[in-house]
Amino acid sequence: QYVGDNSKVANISYRLQMPKSLTHTGIELYTSKAPYTLNIVYKTTPAVRASFSKDENQTVFDQNAILMFALIKNADSVRFVINDGKQDLIIKRTRDWANKKMAKDVWESSSTVEKFTALYQEIFVSTKK
């Protein structure tokens, strides 16, 4: 529920559905002052990193960011850090962005299992490009 809960946030981040071309290497939490930020770090190849730099290839990050905001009440931003060994690509999404994208407060819309299930299904319809 909170960005400062390292083990729960890590567990959520490891369960995100991501392409096999990305290897989850860890998380970084920035919680000493607002805005509270979560970095989810992946390693990959330069070609894969370059492909994710195109907006049309970022749908999976949009979906996963919305899920993170639905599950973590005080997260203000989620940054997906994709490292190819030489260079980082940072894909950042904010809670405001997620709420606008879904046209609702995603945290409030996931307050019960039934609501979360409905939101989860909606995420994968609303974020298709």
N, C-alpha and C. Protein backbone atom coordinates (compact mmCIF):
# COMPACT_ATOMS: atom_id res chain seq x y z
N GLN A 1 0.82 -1.20 0.00
CA GLN A 1 0.00 0.00 0.00
C GLN A 1 0.86 1.26 0.00
N TYR A 2 2.08 1.20 0.54
CA TYR A 2 2.90 2.41 0.63
C TYR A 2 4.27 2.20 0.00
N VAL A 3 4.78 3.25 -0.66
CA VAL A 3 6.08 3.19 -1.31
C VAL A 3 7.17 2.77 -0.33
N GLY A 4 7.08 3.19 0.92
CA GLY A 4 8.12 2.88 1.90
C GLY A 4 8.16 1.43 2.34
N ASP A 5 7.19 0.62 1.95
CA ASP A 5 7.17 -0.79 2.32
C ASP A 5 7.96 -1.57 1.27
N ASN A 6 9.27 -1.60 1.47
CA ASN A 6 10.20 -2.12 0.48
C ASN A 6 9.85 -3.53 0.01
N SER A 7 9.58 -4.45 0.93
CA SER A 7 9.35 -5.84 0.52
C SER A 7 8.07 -5.98 -0.29
N LYS A 8 7.00 -5.27 0.08
CA LYS A 8 5.75 -5.37 -0.68
C LYS A 8 5.89 -4.74 -2.06
N VAL A 9 6.57 -3.60 -2.12
CA VAL A 9 6.76 -2.93 -3.41
C VAL A 9 7.63 -3.81 -4.32
N ALA A 10 8.67 -4.40 -3.75
CA ALA A 10 9.53 -5.29 -4.54
C ALA A 10 8.73 -6.47 -5.07
N ASN A 11 7.89 -7.04 -4.23
CA ASN A 11 7.07 -8.18 -4.64
C ASN A 11 6.14 -7.80 -5.79
N ILE A 12 5.52 -6.65 -5.71
CA ILE A 12 4.66 -6.19 -6.80
C ILE A 12 5.47 -6.02 -8.08
N SER A 13 6.64 -5.37 -7.97
CA SER A 13 7.44 -5.09 -9.16
C SER A 13 7.92 -6.37 -9.84
N TYR A 14 8.23 -7.40 -9.06
CA TYR A 14 8.67 -8.67 -9.66
C TYR A 14 7.54 -9.40 -10.36
N ARG A 15 6.30 -9.11 -9.99
CA ARG A 15 5.15 -9.80 -10.58
C ARG A 15 4.59 -9.11 -11.82
N LEU A 16 5.11 -7.93 -12.16
CA LEU A 16 4.65 -7.24 -13.36
C LEU A 16 4.97 -8.07 -14.60
N GLN A 17 4.02 -8.10 -15.52
CA GLN A 17 4.23 -8.80 -16.78
C GLN A 17 5.08 -7.92 -17.69
N MET A 18 6.28 -8.38 -17.99
CA MET A 18 7.20 -7.62 -18.84
C MET A 18 7.73 -8.54 -19.94
N PRO A 19 8.18 -7.95 -21.04
CA PRO A 19 8.77 -8.76 -22.11
C PRO A 19 9.99 -9.53 -21.59
N LYS A 20 10.19 -10.71 -22.16
CA LYS A 20 11.32 -11.55 -21.75
C LYS A 20 12.67 -10.90 -22.08
N SER A 21 12.65 -9.89 -22.93
CA SER A 21 13.90 -9.20 -23.31
C SER A 21 14.40 -8.28 -22.21
N LEU A 22 13.61 -8.12 -21.12
CA LEU A 22 14.01 -7.30 -19.98
C LEU A 22 14.24 -8.19 -18.77
N THR A 23 15.35 -7.97 -18.07
CA THR A 23 15.65 -8.71 -16.84
C THR A 23 15.53 -7.75 -15.67
N HIS A 24 14.63 -8.05 -14.76
CA HIS A 24 14.41 -7.23 -13.56
C HIS A 24 15.64 -7.33 -12.68
N THR A 25 16.26 -6.20 -12.36
CA THR A 25 17.46 -6.23 -11.53
C THR A 25 17.27 -5.59 -10.16
N GLY A 26 16.14 -4.91 -9.94
CA GLY A 26 15.90 -4.34 -8.62
C GLY A 26 14.99 -3.14 -8.65
N ILE A 27 14.79 -2.60 -7.45
CA ILE A 27 13.98 -1.40 -7.30
C ILE A 27 14.75 -0.39 -6.48
N GLU A 28 14.39 0.86 -6.64
CA GLU A 28 14.93 1.96 -5.84
C GLU A 28 13.73 2.78 -5.37
N LEU A 29 13.66 3.03 -4.07
CA LEU A 29 12.57 3.81 -3.50
C LEU A 29 13.10 5.15 -3.03
N TYR A 30 12.40 6.20 -3.38
CA TYR A 30 12.76 7.55 -2.95
C TYR A 30 11.59 8.07 -2.11
N THR A 31 11.74 7.94 -0.79
CA THR A 31 10.61 8.19 0.12
C THR A 31 10.92 9.18 1.23
N SER A 32 12.07 9.83 1.18
CA SER A 32 12.39 10.75 2.27
C SER A 32 11.56 12.03 2.20
N LYS A 33 11.10 12.39 1.00
CA LYS A 33 10.22 13.55 0.83
C LYS A 33 9.44 13.39 -0.46
N ALA A 34 8.28 14.05 -0.50
CA ALA A 34 7.45 14.01 -1.71
C ALA A 34 8.12 14.80 -2.82
N PRO A 35 7.95 14.43 -4.07
CA PRO A 35 7.13 13.34 -4.57
C PRO A 35 7.81 11.98 -4.34
N TYR A 36 7.03 11.00 -3.90
CA TYR A 36 7.54 9.66 -3.65
C TYR A 36 7.65 8.92 -4.98
N THR A 37 8.86 8.44 -5.23
CA THR A 37 9.16 7.84 -6.53
C THR A 37 9.67 6.43 -6.36
N LEU A 38 9.28 5.60 -7.30
CA LEU A 38 9.72 4.21 -7.37
C LEU A 38 10.42 4.00 -8.70
N ASN A 39 11.65 3.54 -8.64
CA ASN A 39 12.36 3.14 -9.85
C ASN A 39 12.34 1.63 -9.93
N ILE A 40 11.98 1.09 -11.07
CA ILE A 40 12.07 -0.34 -11.33
C ILE A 40 13.12 -0.49 -12.41
N VAL A 41 14.19 -1.23 -12.08
CA VAL A 41 15.37 -1.28 -12.94
C VAL A 41 15.44 -2.61 -13.68
N TYR A 42 15.70 -2.51 -14.98
CA TYR A 42 15.84 -3.67 -15.85
C TYR A 42 17.14 -3.57 -16.63
N LYS A 43 17.69 -4.73 -16.99
CA LYS A 43 18.83 -4.73 -17.91
C LYS A 43 18.40 -5.40 -19.20
N THR A 44 19.05 -4.97 -20.29
CA THR A 44 18.71 -5.49 -21.60
C THR A 44 19.85 -5.19 -22.57
N THR A 45 19.59 -5.36 -23.84
CA THR A 45 20.58 -5.08 -24.87
C THR A 45 20.37 -3.66 -25.41
N PRO A 46 21.38 -3.10 -26.07
CA PRO A 46 21.20 -1.77 -26.67
C PRO A 46 20.05 -1.72 -27.68
N ALA A 47 19.85 -2.75 -28.47
CA ALA A 47 18.77 -2.75 -29.46
C ALA A 47 17.40 -2.73 -28.79
N VAL A 48 17.24 -3.50 -27.73
CA VAL A 48 15.96 -3.53 -27.03
C VAL A 48 15.71 -2.19 -26.34
N ARG A 49 16.75 -1.64 -25.71
CA ARG A 49 16.61 -0.33 -25.06
C ARG A 49 16.16 0.70 -26.09
N ALA A 50 16.79 0.69 -27.25
CA ALA A 50 16.44 1.65 -28.31
C ALA A 50 15.00 1.46 -28.78
N SER A 51 14.55 0.22 -28.87
CA SER A 51 13.18 0.00 -29.34
C SER A 51 12.16 0.54 -28.34
N PHE A 52 12.45 0.46 -27.04
CA PHE A 52 11.54 0.97 -26.03
C PHE A 52 11.57 2.50 -25.92
N SER A 53 12.49 3.14 -26.60
CA SER A 53 12.52 4.60 -26.58
C SER A 53 11.41 5.20 -27.45
N LYS A 54 10.79 4.36 -28.29
CA LYS A 54 9.69 4.81 -29.14
C LYS A 54 8.37 4.70 -28.39
N ASP A 55 7.58 5.75 -28.42
CA ASP A 55 6.30 5.78 -27.69
C ASP A 55 5.41 4.59 -28.02
N GLU A 56 5.39 4.18 -29.27
CA GLU A 56 4.49 3.09 -29.66
C GLU A 56 4.89 1.74 -29.04
N ASN A 57 6.09 1.66 -28.47
CA ASN A 57 6.55 0.43 -27.83
C ASN A 57 6.50 0.51 -26.31
N GLN A 58 5.79 1.50 -25.77
CA GLN A 58 5.77 1.69 -24.31
C GLN A 58 4.46 1.29 -23.64
N THR A 59 3.58 0.64 -24.36
CA THR A 59 2.28 0.25 -23.79
C THR A 59 2.44 -0.58 -22.54
N VAL A 60 3.35 -1.52 -22.53
CA VAL A 60 3.54 -2.38 -21.36
C VAL A 60 3.93 -1.57 -20.12
N PHE A 61 4.68 -0.50 -20.32
CA PHE A 61 5.06 0.36 -19.20
C PHE A 61 3.86 1.19 -18.72
N ASP A 62 3.03 1.64 -19.67
CA ASP A 62 1.81 2.36 -19.30
C ASP A 62 0.93 1.47 -18.43
N GLN A 63 0.71 0.25 -18.88
CA GLN A 63 -0.15 -0.69 -18.14
C GLN A 63 0.41 -0.96 -16.75
N ASN A 64 1.69 -1.24 -16.67
CA ASN A 64 2.29 -1.57 -15.39
C ASN A 64 2.36 -0.38 -14.44
N ALA A 65 2.54 0.81 -14.97
CA ALA A 65 2.54 2.00 -14.11
C ALA A 65 1.16 2.19 -13.50
N ILE A 66 0.12 2.03 -14.29
CA ILE A 66 -1.24 2.18 -13.76
C ILE A 66 -1.49 1.14 -12.67
N LEU A 67 -1.05 -0.08 -12.89
CA LEU A 67 -1.19 -1.12 -11.86
C LEU A 67 -0.47 -0.72 -10.57
N MET A 68 0.73 -0.19 -10.70
CA MET A 68 1.49 0.21 -9.51
C MET A 68 0.74 1.31 -8.75
N PHE A 69 0.19 2.28 -9.45
CA PHE A 69 -0.55 3.36 -8.78
C PHE A 69 -1.84 2.83 -8.14
N ALA A 70 -2.43 1.81 -8.74
CA ALA A 70 -3.64 1.21 -8.17
C ALA A 70 -3.33 0.46 -6.88
N LEU A 71 -2.12 -0.07 -6.78
CA LEU A 71 -1.76 -0.91 -5.63
C LEU A 71 -0.96 -0.18 -4.55
N ILE A 72 -0.35 0.95 -4.91
CA ILE A 72 0.52 1.67 -3.96
C ILE A 72 -0.03 3.07 -3.79
N LYS A 73 -0.64 3.30 -2.65
CA LYS A 73 -1.41 4.52 -2.40
C LYS A 73 -0.60 5.81 -2.54
N ASN A 74 0.61 5.84 -2.01
CA ASN A 74 1.34 7.10 -1.95
C ASN A 74 2.42 7.25 -3.02
N ALA A 75 2.43 6.40 -4.02
CA ALA A 75 3.40 6.56 -5.11
C ALA A 75 2.99 7.75 -5.97
N ASP A 76 3.91 8.68 -6.16
CA ASP A 76 3.64 9.84 -7.01
C ASP A 76 4.14 9.62 -8.43
N SER A 77 5.24 8.86 -8.56
CA SER A 77 5.74 8.57 -9.89
C SER A 77 6.42 7.20 -9.90
N VAL A 78 6.37 6.57 -11.06
CA VAL A 78 7.05 5.31 -11.31
C VAL A 78 7.97 5.54 -12.49
N ARG A 79 9.21 5.14 -12.30
CA ARG A 79 10.19 5.27 -13.38
C ARG A 79 10.72 3.88 -13.72
N PHE A 80 10.59 3.50 -14.98
CA PHE A 80 11.15 2.25 -15.46
C PHE A 80 12.53 2.60 -16.03
N VAL A 81 13.56 2.07 -15.43
CA VAL A 81 14.93 2.36 -15.84
C VAL A 81 15.44 1.15 -16.61
N ILE A 82 15.72 1.35 -17.89
CA ILE A 82 16.15 0.26 -18.76
C ILE A 82 17.61 0.52 -19.12
N ASN A 83 18.47 -0.37 -18.63
CA ASN A 83 19.91 -0.18 -18.80
C ASN A 83 20.45 -1.25 -19.74
N ASP A 84 21.27 -0.80 -20.70
CA ASP A 84 21.87 -1.73 -21.65
C ASP A 84 23.36 -1.97 -21.36
N GLY A 85 23.79 -1.58 -20.18
CA GLY A 85 25.20 -1.73 -19.82
C GLY A 85 26.00 -0.47 -20.03
N LYS A 86 25.49 0.44 -20.85
CA LYS A 86 26.16 1.70 -21.13
C LYS A 86 25.26 2.91 -20.92
N GLN A 87 23.99 2.72 -21.17
CA GLN A 87 23.08 3.86 -21.17
C GLN A 87 21.74 3.46 -20.56
N ASP A 88 21.12 4.41 -19.85
CA ASP A 88 19.79 4.22 -19.28
C ASP A 88 18.75 4.89 -20.16
N LEU A 89 17.62 4.22 -20.29
CA LEU A 89 16.41 4.82 -20.83
C LEU A 89 15.46 4.88 -19.65
N ILE A 90 14.92 6.06 -19.36
CA ILE A 90 13.99 6.21 -18.25
C ILE A 90 12.61 6.55 -18.81
N ILE A 91 11.66 5.69 -18.49
CA ILE A 91 10.26 5.90 -18.88
C ILE A 91 9.52 6.23 -17.60
N LYS A 92 9.04 7.47 -17.49
CA LYS A 92 8.42 7.95 -16.26
C LYS A 92 6.93 8.16 -16.47
N ARG A 93 6.16 7.69 -15.50
CA ARG A 93 4.73 7.93 -15.46
C ARG A 93 4.37 8.45 -14.08
N THR A 94 3.41 9.36 -14.02
CA THR A 94 2.99 9.94 -12.75
C THR A 94 1.57 9.48 -12.41
N ARG A 95 1.22 9.62 -11.14
CA ARG A 95 -0.14 9.28 -10.71
C ARG A 95 -1.16 10.14 -11.46
N ASP A 96 -0.89 11.43 -11.63
CA ASP A 96 -1.81 12.29 -12.38
C ASP A 96 -2.02 11.77 -13.80
N TRP A 97 -0.93 11.35 -14.44
CA TRP A 97 -1.01 10.79 -15.78
C TRP A 97 -1.93 9.56 -15.78
N ALA A 98 -1.74 8.66 -14.81
CA ALA A 98 -2.53 7.42 -14.73
C ALA A 98 -4.01 7.73 -14.52
N ASN A 99 -4.29 8.66 -13.61
CA ASN A 99 -5.69 9.01 -13.34
C ASN A 99 -6.36 9.63 -14.57
N LYS A 100 -5.62 10.45 -15.30
CA LYS A 100 -6.16 11.05 -16.52
C LYS A 100 -6.35 9.98 -17.61
N LYS A 101 -5.38 9.12 -17.74
CA LYS A 101 -5.44 8.05 -18.76
C LYS A 101 -6.65 7.16 -18.54
N MET A 102 -6.94 6.85 -17.27
CA MET A 102 -8.06 5.96 -16.95
C MET A 102 -9.35 6.73 -16.66
N ALA A 103 -9.27 8.07 -16.62
CA ALA A 103 -10.42 8.94 -16.34
C ALA A 103 -11.05 8.63 -14.98
N LYS A 104 -10.19 8.31 -14.01
CA LYS A 104 -10.65 8.04 -12.64
C LYS A 104 -9.44 7.96 -11.72
N ASP A 105 -9.70 7.99 -10.43
CA ASP A 105 -8.66 7.79 -9.42
C ASP A 105 -8.40 6.29 -9.35
N VAL A 106 -7.23 5.85 -9.81
CA VAL A 106 -6.97 4.42 -9.90
C VAL A 106 -6.82 3.77 -8.53
N TRP A 107 -6.36 4.52 -7.54
CA TRP A 107 -6.27 3.97 -6.17
C TRP A 107 -7.67 3.69 -5.64
N GLU A 108 -8.54 4.67 -5.73
CA GLU A 108 -9.92 4.51 -5.23
C GLU A 108 -10.66 3.45 -6.03
N SER A 109 -10.31 3.30 -7.29
CA SER A 109 -10.98 2.33 -8.16
C SER A 109 -10.50 0.91 -7.95
N SER A 110 -9.60 0.71 -7.00
CA SER A 110 -9.10 -0.65 -6.73
C SER A 110 -9.27 -1.01 -5.25
N SER A 111 -10.27 -0.40 -4.59
CA SER A 111 -10.44 -0.54 -3.15
C SER A 111 -10.97 -1.90 -2.70
N THR A 112 -11.53 -2.67 -3.62
CA THR A 112 -11.99 -4.02 -3.30
C THR A 112 -11.45 -4.97 -4.38
N VAL A 113 -11.49 -6.25 -4.10
CA VAL A 113 -11.03 -7.22 -5.09
C VAL A 113 -11.84 -7.09 -6.38
N GLU A 114 -13.14 -6.91 -6.24
CA GLU A 114 -14.01 -6.79 -7.42
C GLU A 114 -13.66 -5.54 -8.23
N LYS A 115 -13.47 -4.43 -7.53
CA LYS A 115 -13.11 -3.18 -8.23
C LYS A 115 -11.74 -3.30 -8.89
N PHE A 116 -10.78 -3.92 -8.17
CA PHE A 116 -9.45 -4.09 -8.75
C PHE A 116 -9.51 -4.97 -10.00
N THR A 117 -10.27 -6.04 -9.93
CA THR A 117 -10.40 -6.94 -11.08
C THR A 117 -10.97 -6.19 -12.29
N ALA A 118 -11.98 -5.37 -12.05
CA ALA A 118 -12.57 -4.58 -13.14
C ALA A 118 -11.55 -3.58 -13.69
N LEU A 119 -10.84 -2.91 -12.79
CA LEU A 119 -9.82 -1.95 -13.23
C LEU A 119 -8.72 -2.65 -14.01
N TYR A 120 -8.27 -3.79 -13.53
CA TYR A 120 -7.22 -4.56 -14.20
C TYR A 120 -7.63 -4.86 -15.64
N GLN A 121 -8.85 -5.31 -15.83
CA GLN A 121 -9.33 -5.61 -17.18
C GLN A 121 -9.42 -4.34 -18.02
N GLU A 122 -9.85 -3.26 -17.41
CA GLU A 122 -9.98 -2.00 -18.13
C GLU A 122 -8.62 -1.44 -18.55
N ILE A 123 -7.61 -1.63 -17.72
CA ILE A 123 -6.26 -1.14 -18.04
C ILE A 123 -5.80 -1.70 -19.37
N PHE A 124 -6.05 -2.97 -19.60
CA PHE A 124 -5.55 -3.61 -20.80
C PHE A 124 -6.37 -3.30 -22.04
N VAL A 125 -7.56 -2.71 -21.84
CA VAL A 125 -8.37 -2.22 -22.96
C VAL A 125 -8.02 -0.76 -23.25
N SER A 126 -7.95 0.06 -22.19
CA SER A 126 -7.74 1.51 -22.34
C SER A 126 -6.35 1.91 -22.81
N THR A 127 -5.36 1.04 -22.60
CA THR A 127 -4.00 1.44 -22.93
C THR A 127 -3.50 0.84 -24.24
N LYS A 128 -4.35 0.14 -24.95
CA LYS A 128 -3.94 -0.39 -26.26
C LYS A 128 -3.71 0.78 -27.21
N LYS A 129 -2.65 0.69 -27.96
CA LYS A 129 -2.34 1.77 -28.90
C LYS A 129 -2.78 1.39 -30.29
